[in-house]
Amino acid sequence: MERNLALIALFAALIAALGMVPKFTLAFGVPITAQSMGVMLCGTVLGARRGALAVLLFLALVALGLPLLAGGRGGLGAFATPSVGFLIGFPVAAFVTGLIVERWRASLAAVAAVASIVGGVFVLYAFGVVGMSVMLDKSIPQSALLVTAFIPGDVIKAILAGLITAGLAKSRPSSVLSRG
């Protein structure tokens, strides 16, 4: 129990730390950050439930006002921006990513990368597109076109998440709870 709580807190901190990587904000107000890779790693390493809980803890801290989002943003105002769909989608993305890694038994690097693409890109984009559509008053197709700028970077992050997870499993097999 204590180990699970410590890992959930550690991965919430990892997402926050990845927010310190300099962001690049696109013209429509959504930043490109490394935090989505943290969400992917929550799922690939911790598994579905613990990964989603780590992301929920992170979002709760953001909602309380801690400046943990890229660029030092935090507070409830962060949930009233074009990024809101991505923020709401973070825990769902971690859950889906973790669920795929837990259920699909094959090469961990490949499974974690594919799971990160499915959960951390497709699922996250579904939420992000809807949030952008609402906040920017654009149609779903218009918002979907806007997020295409994120695809190359997010695919790279997904591959990195797969490689990091496989490397962690090789060096410390008991630390990859998604395969436990």
N, C-alpha and C. Protein backbone atom coordinates (compact mmCIF):
# COMPACT_ATOMS: atom_id res chain seq x y z
N MET A 1 0.82 -1.20 0.00
CA MET A 1 0.00 0.00 0.00
C MET A 1 0.86 1.26 0.00
N GLU A 2 1.86 1.32 0.92
CA GLU A 2 2.72 2.49 0.99
C GLU A 2 3.54 2.64 -0.29
N ARG A 3 3.97 1.51 -0.83
CA ARG A 3 4.75 1.55 -2.08
C ARG A 3 3.91 2.13 -3.21
N ASN A 4 2.66 1.70 -3.30
CA ASN A 4 1.77 2.23 -4.34
C ASN A 4 1.59 3.73 -4.20
N LEU A 5 1.37 4.20 -2.97
CA LEU A 5 1.19 5.64 -2.74
C LEU A 5 2.45 6.41 -3.11
N ALA A 6 3.60 5.86 -2.74
CA ALA A 6 4.86 6.53 -3.06
C ALA A 6 5.06 6.60 -4.57
N LEU A 7 4.75 5.53 -5.28
CA LEU A 7 4.92 5.53 -6.73
C LEU A 7 3.93 6.47 -7.41
N ILE A 8 2.72 6.52 -6.92
CA ILE A 8 1.73 7.46 -7.48
C ILE A 8 2.22 8.89 -7.29
N ALA A 9 2.71 9.21 -6.11
CA ALA A 9 3.24 10.55 -5.85
C ALA A 9 4.48 10.82 -6.70
N LEU A 10 5.34 9.83 -6.83
CA LEU A 10 6.56 9.99 -7.63
C LEU A 10 6.24 10.28 -9.09
N PHE A 11 5.26 9.58 -9.64
CA PHE A 11 4.92 9.80 -11.04
C PHE A 11 4.15 11.10 -11.24
N ALA A 12 3.39 11.54 -10.24
CA ALA A 12 2.78 12.87 -10.32
C ALA A 12 3.90 13.92 -10.36
N ALA A 13 4.94 13.71 -9.57
CA ALA A 13 6.09 14.62 -9.57
C ALA A 13 6.83 14.56 -10.90
N LEU A 14 6.90 13.38 -11.51
CA LEU A 14 7.55 13.25 -12.82
C LEU A 14 6.82 14.09 -13.86
N ILE A 15 5.50 14.04 -13.86
CA ILE A 15 4.73 14.85 -14.81
C ILE A 15 5.02 16.33 -14.57
N ALA A 16 5.07 16.73 -13.30
CA ALA A 16 5.37 18.13 -12.97
C ALA A 16 6.77 18.50 -13.45
N ALA A 17 7.74 17.62 -13.22
CA ALA A 17 9.12 17.90 -13.63
C ALA A 17 9.23 18.03 -15.15
N LEU A 18 8.48 17.21 -15.88
CA LEU A 18 8.50 17.30 -17.34
C LEU A 18 7.88 18.61 -17.83
N GLY A 19 7.11 19.26 -16.97
CA GLY A 19 6.56 20.57 -17.30
C GLY A 19 7.61 21.66 -17.28
N MET A 20 8.77 21.36 -16.67
CA MET A 20 9.84 22.36 -16.61
C MET A 20 10.66 22.41 -17.90
N VAL A 21 10.48 21.40 -18.74
CA VAL A 21 11.11 21.45 -20.06
C VAL A 21 10.46 22.62 -20.78
N PRO A 22 11.24 23.51 -21.35
CA PRO A 22 10.63 24.71 -21.97
C PRO A 22 9.51 24.33 -22.95
N LYS A 23 8.42 25.06 -22.82
CA LYS A 23 7.27 24.81 -23.69
C LYS A 23 7.34 25.69 -24.92
N PHE A 24 6.59 25.28 -25.90
CA PHE A 24 6.45 26.05 -27.12
C PHE A 24 4.95 26.16 -27.38
N THR A 25 4.40 27.35 -27.23
CA THR A 25 2.96 27.52 -27.38
C THR A 25 2.62 27.83 -28.83
N LEU A 26 1.69 27.06 -29.35
CA LEU A 26 1.24 27.26 -30.73
C LEU A 26 0.29 28.46 -30.80
N ALA A 27 0.05 28.95 -31.98
CA ALA A 27 -0.74 30.16 -32.17
C ALA A 27 -2.14 30.07 -31.58
N PHE A 28 -2.70 28.86 -31.48
CA PHE A 28 -4.06 28.73 -30.97
C PHE A 28 -4.11 28.48 -29.47
N GLY A 29 -2.98 28.63 -28.77
CA GLY A 29 -2.98 28.63 -27.31
C GLY A 29 -2.69 27.33 -26.61
N VAL A 30 -2.38 26.28 -27.33
CA VAL A 30 -2.07 24.99 -26.70
C VAL A 30 -0.57 24.76 -26.79
N PRO A 31 0.09 24.54 -25.63
CA PRO A 31 1.54 24.38 -25.66
C PRO A 31 1.97 22.95 -26.01
N ILE A 32 3.13 22.85 -26.65
CA ILE A 32 3.77 21.55 -26.84
C ILE A 32 4.67 21.37 -25.63
N THR A 33 4.46 20.31 -24.87
CA THR A 33 5.23 20.07 -23.65
C THR A 33 5.67 18.61 -23.60
N ALA A 34 6.51 18.30 -22.63
CA ALA A 34 6.94 16.92 -22.41
C ALA A 34 6.02 16.20 -21.43
N GLN A 35 5.04 16.91 -20.87
CA GLN A 35 4.19 16.31 -19.84
C GLN A 35 3.36 15.14 -20.36
N SER A 36 3.01 15.14 -21.62
CA SER A 36 2.24 14.02 -22.15
C SER A 36 3.06 12.73 -22.10
N MET A 37 4.38 12.83 -22.21
CA MET A 37 5.20 11.64 -22.06
C MET A 37 5.14 11.12 -20.62
N GLY A 38 5.05 12.01 -19.67
CA GLY A 38 4.86 11.59 -18.27
C GLY A 38 3.56 10.84 -18.09
N VAL A 39 2.52 11.29 -18.76
CA VAL A 39 1.22 10.60 -18.70
C VAL A 39 1.36 9.20 -19.30
N MET A 40 2.06 9.11 -20.43
CA MET A 40 2.28 7.80 -21.06
C MET A 40 3.05 6.88 -20.12
N LEU A 41 4.10 7.40 -19.49
CA LEU A 41 4.91 6.59 -18.58
C LEU A 41 4.11 6.15 -17.35
N CYS A 42 3.19 6.98 -16.90
CA CYS A 42 2.33 6.57 -15.79
C CYS A 42 1.60 5.28 -16.14
N GLY A 43 1.06 5.22 -17.34
CA GLY A 43 0.34 4.02 -17.76
C GLY A 43 1.26 2.85 -18.02
N THR A 44 2.37 3.08 -18.73
CA THR A 44 3.23 1.95 -19.10
C THR A 44 3.96 1.36 -17.91
N VAL A 45 4.31 2.17 -16.94
CA VAL A 45 5.06 1.68 -15.78
C VAL A 45 4.15 1.29 -14.63
N LEU A 46 3.20 2.14 -14.28
CA LEU A 46 2.36 1.89 -13.11
C LEU A 46 1.14 1.02 -13.40
N GLY A 47 0.72 0.97 -14.64
CA GLY A 47 -0.50 0.24 -14.97
C GLY A 47 -1.70 1.18 -15.01
N ALA A 48 -2.84 0.62 -15.33
CA ALA A 48 -4.04 1.42 -15.58
C ALA A 48 -4.49 2.22 -14.36
N ARG A 49 -4.78 1.54 -13.27
CA ARG A 49 -5.35 2.24 -12.10
C ARG A 49 -4.35 3.18 -11.44
N ARG A 50 -3.18 2.68 -11.13
CA ARG A 50 -2.18 3.52 -10.45
C ARG A 50 -1.73 4.67 -11.35
N GLY A 51 -1.61 4.41 -12.65
CA GLY A 51 -1.23 5.47 -13.58
C GLY A 51 -2.27 6.58 -13.62
N ALA A 52 -3.54 6.21 -13.70
CA ALA A 52 -4.61 7.21 -13.71
C ALA A 52 -4.64 7.97 -12.39
N LEU A 53 -4.41 7.29 -11.27
CA LEU A 53 -4.39 7.96 -9.97
C LEU A 53 -3.24 8.96 -9.88
N ALA A 54 -2.07 8.62 -10.43
CA ALA A 54 -0.94 9.55 -10.43
C ALA A 54 -1.30 10.82 -11.20
N VAL A 55 -1.96 10.66 -12.33
CA VAL A 55 -2.34 11.82 -13.13
C VAL A 55 -3.43 12.62 -12.42
N LEU A 56 -4.37 11.95 -11.79
CA LEU A 56 -5.41 12.67 -11.03
C LEU A 56 -4.79 13.47 -9.89
N LEU A 57 -3.80 12.89 -9.21
CA LEU A 57 -3.10 13.63 -8.15
C LEU A 57 -2.45 14.88 -8.73
N PHE A 58 -1.77 14.72 -9.84
CA PHE A 58 -1.13 15.86 -10.51
C PHE A 58 -2.16 16.94 -10.83
N LEU A 59 -3.30 16.55 -11.42
CA LEU A 59 -4.33 17.51 -11.79
C LEU A 59 -4.95 18.18 -10.56
N ALA A 60 -5.09 17.43 -9.46
CA ALA A 60 -5.61 18.01 -8.23
C ALA A 60 -4.67 19.10 -7.71
N LEU A 61 -3.37 18.83 -7.79
CA LEU A 61 -2.39 19.83 -7.35
C LEU A 61 -2.42 21.06 -8.25
N VAL A 62 -2.60 20.85 -9.54
CA VAL A 62 -2.74 21.98 -10.48
C VAL A 62 -3.99 22.78 -10.12
N ALA A 63 -5.11 22.10 -9.88
CA ALA A 63 -6.37 22.78 -9.55
C ALA A 63 -6.24 23.58 -8.25
N LEU A 64 -5.43 23.09 -7.32
CA LEU A 64 -5.21 23.81 -6.06
C LEU A 64 -4.36 25.06 -6.24
N GLY A 65 -3.78 25.22 -7.42
CA GLY A 65 -3.03 26.43 -7.70
C GLY A 65 -1.53 26.26 -7.84
N LEU A 66 -1.02 25.05 -7.66
CA LEU A 66 0.42 24.87 -7.84
C LEU A 66 0.78 25.05 -9.31
N PRO A 67 1.83 25.77 -9.60
CA PRO A 67 2.21 26.07 -10.99
C PRO A 67 2.98 24.92 -11.64
N LEU A 68 2.31 23.80 -11.83
CA LEU A 68 2.96 22.58 -12.30
C LEU A 68 2.84 22.34 -13.79
N LEU A 69 1.97 23.06 -14.45
CA LEU A 69 1.84 22.89 -15.89
C LEU A 69 2.98 23.63 -16.59
N ALA A 70 3.24 23.24 -17.80
CA ALA A 70 4.32 23.88 -18.57
C ALA A 70 4.14 25.39 -18.56
N GLY A 71 5.24 26.08 -18.36
CA GLY A 71 5.18 27.53 -18.31
C GLY A 71 4.79 28.07 -16.95
N GLY A 72 4.70 27.20 -15.95
CA GLY A 72 4.36 27.64 -14.60
C GLY A 72 2.90 27.97 -14.40
N ARG A 73 2.04 27.34 -15.18
CA ARG A 73 0.60 27.59 -15.04
C ARG A 73 0.01 26.67 -13.99
N GLY A 74 -1.02 27.13 -13.34
CA GLY A 74 -1.73 26.32 -12.36
C GLY A 74 -3.00 27.05 -11.95
N GLY A 75 -3.78 26.42 -11.12
CA GLY A 75 -5.04 27.00 -10.67
C GLY A 75 -6.20 26.58 -11.55
N LEU A 76 -7.39 26.93 -11.10
CA LEU A 76 -8.59 26.54 -11.84
C LEU A 76 -8.66 27.19 -13.22
N GLY A 77 -7.99 28.33 -13.38
CA GLY A 77 -7.98 29.01 -14.67
C GLY A 77 -7.37 28.15 -15.77
N ALA A 78 -6.49 27.23 -15.40
CA ALA A 78 -5.87 26.35 -16.40
C ALA A 78 -6.91 25.45 -17.06
N PHE A 79 -8.03 25.27 -16.37
CA PHE A 79 -9.10 24.41 -16.90
C PHE A 79 -10.11 25.21 -17.72
N ALA A 80 -9.77 26.45 -18.01
CA ALA A 80 -10.62 27.30 -18.85
C ALA A 80 -9.83 27.81 -20.04
N THR A 81 -8.92 26.99 -20.54
CA THR A 81 -8.09 27.34 -21.68
C THR A 81 -8.32 26.32 -22.80
N PRO A 82 -7.77 26.55 -23.98
CA PRO A 82 -7.91 25.56 -25.05
C PRO A 82 -7.28 24.20 -24.70
N SER A 83 -6.44 24.15 -23.67
CA SER A 83 -5.80 22.90 -23.24
C SER A 83 -6.70 22.03 -22.38
N VAL A 84 -7.87 22.51 -22.00
CA VAL A 84 -8.70 21.80 -21.02
C VAL A 84 -9.01 20.36 -21.44
N GLY A 85 -9.25 20.13 -22.69
CA GLY A 85 -9.56 18.77 -23.14
C GLY A 85 -8.39 17.82 -22.92
N PHE A 86 -7.19 18.34 -23.16
CA PHE A 86 -6.00 17.52 -22.93
C PHE A 86 -5.86 17.21 -21.44
N LEU A 87 -6.10 18.22 -20.59
CA LEU A 87 -5.98 18.01 -19.15
C LEU A 87 -7.00 16.97 -18.67
N ILE A 88 -8.22 17.09 -19.12
CA ILE A 88 -9.25 16.13 -18.73
C ILE A 88 -8.93 14.75 -19.28
N GLY A 89 -8.31 14.69 -20.45
CA GLY A 89 -7.97 13.42 -21.07
C GLY A 89 -6.74 12.75 -20.48
N PHE A 90 -5.91 13.48 -19.73
CA PHE A 90 -4.69 12.90 -19.16
C PHE A 90 -4.96 11.61 -18.37
N PRO A 91 -5.87 11.61 -17.39
CA PRO A 91 -6.05 10.35 -16.63
C PRO A 91 -6.64 9.22 -17.47
N VAL A 92 -7.49 9.55 -18.41
CA VAL A 92 -8.07 8.52 -19.29
C VAL A 92 -6.97 7.94 -20.18
N ALA A 93 -6.10 8.81 -20.68
CA ALA A 93 -4.98 8.36 -21.52
C ALA A 93 -4.06 7.43 -20.73
N ALA A 94 -3.73 7.79 -19.50
CA ALA A 94 -2.87 6.94 -18.67
C ALA A 94 -3.55 5.60 -18.40
N PHE A 95 -4.85 5.62 -18.14
CA PHE A 95 -5.59 4.38 -17.87
C PHE A 95 -5.58 3.46 -19.09
N VAL A 96 -5.91 4.00 -20.24
CA VAL A 96 -5.96 3.19 -21.47
C VAL A 96 -4.57 2.65 -21.80
N THR A 97 -3.56 3.49 -21.68
CA THR A 97 -2.18 3.05 -21.94
C THR A 97 -1.81 1.90 -21.02
N GLY A 98 -2.08 2.06 -19.74
CA GLY A 98 -1.77 1.02 -18.76
C GLY A 98 -2.55 -0.26 -19.00
N LEU A 99 -3.80 -0.13 -19.36
CA LEU A 99 -4.64 -1.31 -19.61
C LEU A 99 -4.10 -2.13 -20.77
N ILE A 100 -3.66 -1.46 -21.81
CA ILE A 100 -3.10 -2.18 -22.96
C ILE A 100 -1.82 -2.92 -22.56
N VAL A 101 -0.94 -2.25 -21.81
CA VAL A 101 0.31 -2.89 -21.38
C VAL A 101 0.02 -4.08 -20.45
N GLU A 102 -0.96 -3.93 -19.60
CA GLU A 102 -1.32 -5.02 -18.67
C GLU A 102 -1.86 -6.24 -19.40
N ARG A 103 -2.62 -6.03 -20.45
CA ARG A 103 -3.33 -7.12 -21.11
C ARG A 103 -2.60 -7.74 -22.29
N TRP A 104 -1.76 -6.98 -22.95
CA TRP A 104 -1.13 -7.45 -24.19
C TRP A 104 0.27 -7.95 -23.87
N ARG A 105 0.47 -9.27 -24.01
CA ARG A 105 1.76 -9.89 -23.67
C ARG A 105 2.59 -10.08 -24.93
N ALA A 106 3.53 -9.21 -25.10
CA ALA A 106 4.50 -9.28 -26.21
C ALA A 106 5.71 -8.49 -25.74
N SER A 107 6.61 -8.19 -26.64
CA SER A 107 7.78 -7.40 -26.31
C SER A 107 7.34 -6.11 -25.61
N LEU A 108 7.87 -5.89 -24.40
CA LEU A 108 7.42 -4.73 -23.61
C LEU A 108 7.69 -3.41 -24.32
N ALA A 109 8.83 -3.28 -24.97
CA ALA A 109 9.13 -2.02 -25.67
C ALA A 109 8.08 -1.74 -26.74
N ALA A 110 7.74 -2.75 -27.52
CA ALA A 110 6.75 -2.58 -28.59
C ALA A 110 5.36 -2.33 -28.02
N VAL A 111 4.99 -3.12 -27.03
CA VAL A 111 3.65 -2.97 -26.43
C VAL A 111 3.52 -1.59 -25.78
N ALA A 112 4.53 -1.17 -25.04
CA ALA A 112 4.47 0.13 -24.37
C ALA A 112 4.41 1.27 -25.38
N ALA A 113 5.15 1.16 -26.48
CA ALA A 113 5.11 2.19 -27.51
C ALA A 113 3.75 2.24 -28.19
N VAL A 114 3.22 1.07 -28.54
CA VAL A 114 1.89 1.03 -29.18
C VAL A 114 0.82 1.51 -28.20
N ALA A 115 0.90 1.08 -26.95
CA ALA A 115 -0.06 1.52 -25.94
C ALA A 115 0.01 3.03 -25.75
N SER A 116 1.22 3.58 -25.80
CA SER A 116 1.38 5.03 -25.65
C SER A 116 0.79 5.77 -26.84
N ILE A 117 0.91 5.18 -28.03
CA ILE A 117 0.30 5.81 -29.20
C ILE A 117 -1.22 5.75 -29.11
N VAL A 118 -1.75 4.60 -28.72
CA VAL A 118 -3.21 4.47 -28.61
C VAL A 118 -3.75 5.35 -27.50
N GLY A 119 -3.20 5.20 -26.29
CA GLY A 119 -3.72 5.96 -25.15
C GLY A 119 -3.23 7.39 -25.10
N GLY A 120 -1.91 7.56 -25.27
CA GLY A 120 -1.31 8.87 -25.10
C GLY A 120 -1.42 9.78 -26.31
N VAL A 121 -1.83 9.24 -27.44
CA VAL A 121 -2.02 10.08 -28.63
C VAL A 121 -3.49 10.06 -29.05
N PHE A 122 -4.01 8.90 -29.47
CA PHE A 122 -5.38 8.85 -29.99
C PHE A 122 -6.43 9.22 -28.93
N VAL A 123 -6.36 8.59 -27.77
CA VAL A 123 -7.35 8.89 -26.72
C VAL A 123 -7.18 10.33 -26.24
N LEU A 124 -5.94 10.73 -26.00
CA LEU A 124 -5.70 12.10 -25.52
C LEU A 124 -6.15 13.13 -26.55
N TYR A 125 -5.90 12.86 -27.82
CA TYR A 125 -6.33 13.80 -28.86
C TYR A 125 -7.85 13.88 -28.94
N ALA A 126 -8.53 12.77 -28.72
CA ALA A 126 -10.00 12.81 -28.77
C ALA A 126 -10.53 13.82 -27.75
N PHE A 127 -9.98 13.77 -26.54
CA PHE A 127 -10.38 14.74 -25.51
C PHE A 127 -9.90 16.14 -25.87
N GLY A 128 -8.67 16.24 -26.34
CA GLY A 128 -8.10 17.54 -26.67
C GLY A 128 -8.85 18.25 -27.78
N VAL A 129 -9.24 17.50 -28.79
CA VAL A 129 -9.97 18.10 -29.92
C VAL A 129 -11.33 18.63 -29.46
N VAL A 130 -12.01 17.86 -28.64
CA VAL A 130 -13.32 18.32 -28.14
C VAL A 130 -13.14 19.57 -27.28
N GLY A 131 -12.15 19.56 -26.40
CA GLY A 131 -11.90 20.73 -25.55
C GLY A 131 -11.55 21.97 -26.36
N MET A 132 -10.71 21.79 -27.37
CA MET A 132 -10.36 22.92 -28.23
C MET A 132 -11.57 23.42 -29.01
N SER A 133 -12.38 22.49 -29.46
CA SER A 133 -13.57 22.86 -30.21
C SER A 133 -14.49 23.75 -29.37
N VAL A 134 -14.67 23.36 -28.12
CA VAL A 134 -15.54 24.13 -27.22
C VAL A 134 -14.91 25.48 -26.88
N MET A 135 -13.63 25.46 -26.48
CA MET A 135 -12.98 26.68 -26.01
C MET A 135 -12.67 27.68 -27.12
N LEU A 136 -12.40 27.19 -28.31
CA LEU A 136 -12.06 28.07 -29.43
C LEU A 136 -13.25 28.34 -30.34
N ASP A 137 -14.39 27.73 -30.02
CA ASP A 137 -15.60 27.88 -30.82
C ASP A 137 -15.33 27.50 -32.28
N LYS A 138 -14.73 26.33 -32.45
CA LYS A 138 -14.44 25.80 -33.78
C LYS A 138 -15.15 24.46 -33.92
N SER A 139 -15.28 24.01 -35.15
CA SER A 139 -15.87 22.69 -35.38
C SER A 139 -14.86 21.61 -35.00
N ILE A 140 -15.35 20.39 -34.83
CA ILE A 140 -14.46 19.27 -34.50
C ILE A 140 -13.42 19.08 -35.61
N PRO A 141 -13.79 19.09 -36.90
CA PRO A 141 -12.76 18.94 -37.93
C PRO A 141 -11.72 20.07 -37.91
N GLN A 142 -12.16 21.29 -37.65
CA GLN A 142 -11.20 22.40 -37.58
C GLN A 142 -10.23 22.20 -36.41
N SER A 143 -10.75 21.78 -35.27
CA SER A 143 -9.89 21.54 -34.11
C SER A 143 -8.97 20.35 -34.35
N ALA A 144 -9.48 19.32 -35.01
CA ALA A 144 -8.64 18.16 -35.32
C ALA A 144 -7.49 18.56 -36.24
N LEU A 145 -7.75 19.45 -37.14
CA LEU A 145 -6.69 19.92 -38.03
C LEU A 145 -5.61 20.68 -37.25
N LEU A 146 -6.02 21.41 -36.23
CA LEU A 146 -5.06 22.17 -35.42
C LEU A 146 -4.09 21.25 -34.67
N VAL A 147 -4.59 20.11 -34.19
CA VAL A 147 -3.72 19.23 -33.38
C VAL A 147 -2.75 18.41 -34.22
N THR A 148 -2.87 18.47 -35.53
CA THR A 148 -1.92 17.71 -36.35
C THR A 148 -0.48 18.18 -36.11
N ALA A 149 -0.31 19.39 -35.63
CA ALA A 149 1.04 19.89 -35.34
C ALA A 149 1.70 19.09 -34.22
N PHE A 150 0.90 18.45 -33.36
CA PHE A 150 1.43 17.69 -32.23
C PHE A 150 1.86 16.27 -32.59
N ILE A 151 1.37 15.74 -33.70
CA ILE A 151 1.54 14.31 -34.00
C ILE A 151 3.00 13.86 -34.04
N PRO A 152 3.88 14.49 -34.78
CA PRO A 152 5.27 13.98 -34.83
C PRO A 152 5.93 13.92 -33.45
N GLY A 153 5.80 14.97 -32.69
CA GLY A 153 6.40 14.99 -31.36
C GLY A 153 5.81 13.96 -30.42
N ASP A 154 4.49 13.77 -30.49
CA ASP A 154 3.85 12.80 -29.61
C ASP A 154 4.19 11.36 -29.99
N VAL A 155 4.39 11.10 -31.26
CA VAL A 155 4.82 9.75 -31.67
C VAL A 155 6.23 9.49 -31.16
N ILE A 156 7.09 10.49 -31.22
CA ILE A 156 8.45 10.35 -30.67
C ILE A 156 8.38 10.10 -29.17
N LYS A 157 7.53 10.84 -28.47
CA LYS A 157 7.37 10.65 -27.02
C LYS A 157 6.86 9.24 -26.71
N ALA A 158 5.95 8.73 -27.54
CA ALA A 158 5.42 7.38 -27.33
C ALA A 158 6.52 6.33 -27.51
N ILE A 159 7.34 6.50 -28.51
CA ILE A 159 8.45 5.55 -28.73
C ILE A 159 9.43 5.63 -27.56
N LEU A 160 9.73 6.84 -27.12
CA LEU A 160 10.61 7.00 -25.95
C LEU A 160 10.02 6.36 -24.71
N ALA A 161 8.72 6.52 -24.51
CA ALA A 161 8.06 5.89 -23.36
C ALA A 161 8.20 4.37 -23.43
N GLY A 162 8.06 3.81 -24.61
CA GLY A 162 8.24 2.37 -24.76
C GLY A 162 9.65 1.93 -24.44
N LEU A 163 10.63 2.67 -24.94
CA LEU A 163 12.04 2.33 -24.68
C LEU A 163 12.41 2.52 -23.22
N ILE A 164 11.92 3.58 -22.61
CA ILE A 164 12.20 3.82 -21.18
C ILE A 164 11.58 2.73 -20.33
N THR A 165 10.34 2.35 -20.64
CA THR A 165 9.66 1.30 -19.88
C THR A 165 10.40 -0.02 -20.02
N ALA A 166 10.82 -0.36 -21.23
CA ALA A 166 11.56 -1.61 -21.45
C ALA A 166 12.91 -1.58 -20.73
N GLY A 167 13.58 -0.44 -20.77
CA GLY A 167 14.85 -0.31 -20.07
C GLY A 167 14.70 -0.44 -18.57
N LEU A 168 13.65 0.14 -18.05
CA LEU A 168 13.36 0.03 -16.61
C LEU A 168 13.05 -1.41 -16.24
N ALA A 169 12.29 -2.09 -17.09
CA ALA A 169 11.95 -3.50 -16.82
C ALA A 169 13.18 -4.39 -16.86
N LYS A 170 14.12 -4.05 -17.73
CA LYS A 170 15.34 -4.85 -17.82
C LYS A 170 16.23 -4.64 -16.60
N SER A 171 16.34 -3.39 -16.15
CA SER A 171 17.22 -3.10 -15.02
C SER A 171 16.58 -3.38 -13.67
N ARG A 172 15.29 -3.15 -13.55
CA ARG A 172 14.57 -3.38 -12.29
C ARG A 172 13.18 -3.94 -12.61
N PRO A 173 13.09 -5.22 -12.92
CA PRO A 173 11.81 -5.81 -13.36
C PRO A 173 10.64 -5.58 -12.40
N SER A 174 10.90 -5.56 -11.12
CA SER A 174 9.80 -5.40 -10.16
C SER A 174 9.24 -3.99 -10.14
N SER A 175 9.93 -3.04 -10.78
CA SER A 175 9.45 -1.66 -10.76
C SER A 175 8.40 -1.38 -11.83
N VAL A 176 8.26 -2.26 -12.80
CA VAL A 176 7.25 -2.08 -13.85
C VAL A 176 5.98 -2.81 -13.39
N LEU A 177 5.13 -2.08 -12.70
CA LEU A 177 3.94 -2.68 -12.10
C LEU A 177 2.88 -3.06 -13.12
N SER A 178 2.95 -2.48 -14.31
CA SER A 178 1.97 -2.80 -15.34
C SER A 178 2.12 -4.25 -15.81
N ARG A 179 3.25 -4.86 -15.54
CA ARG A 179 3.48 -6.24 -15.93
C ARG A 179 3.55 -7.18 -14.72
N GLY A 180 3.18 -6.66 -13.56
CA GLY A 180 3.31 -7.45 -12.32
C GLY A 180 2.26 -8.45 -12.07
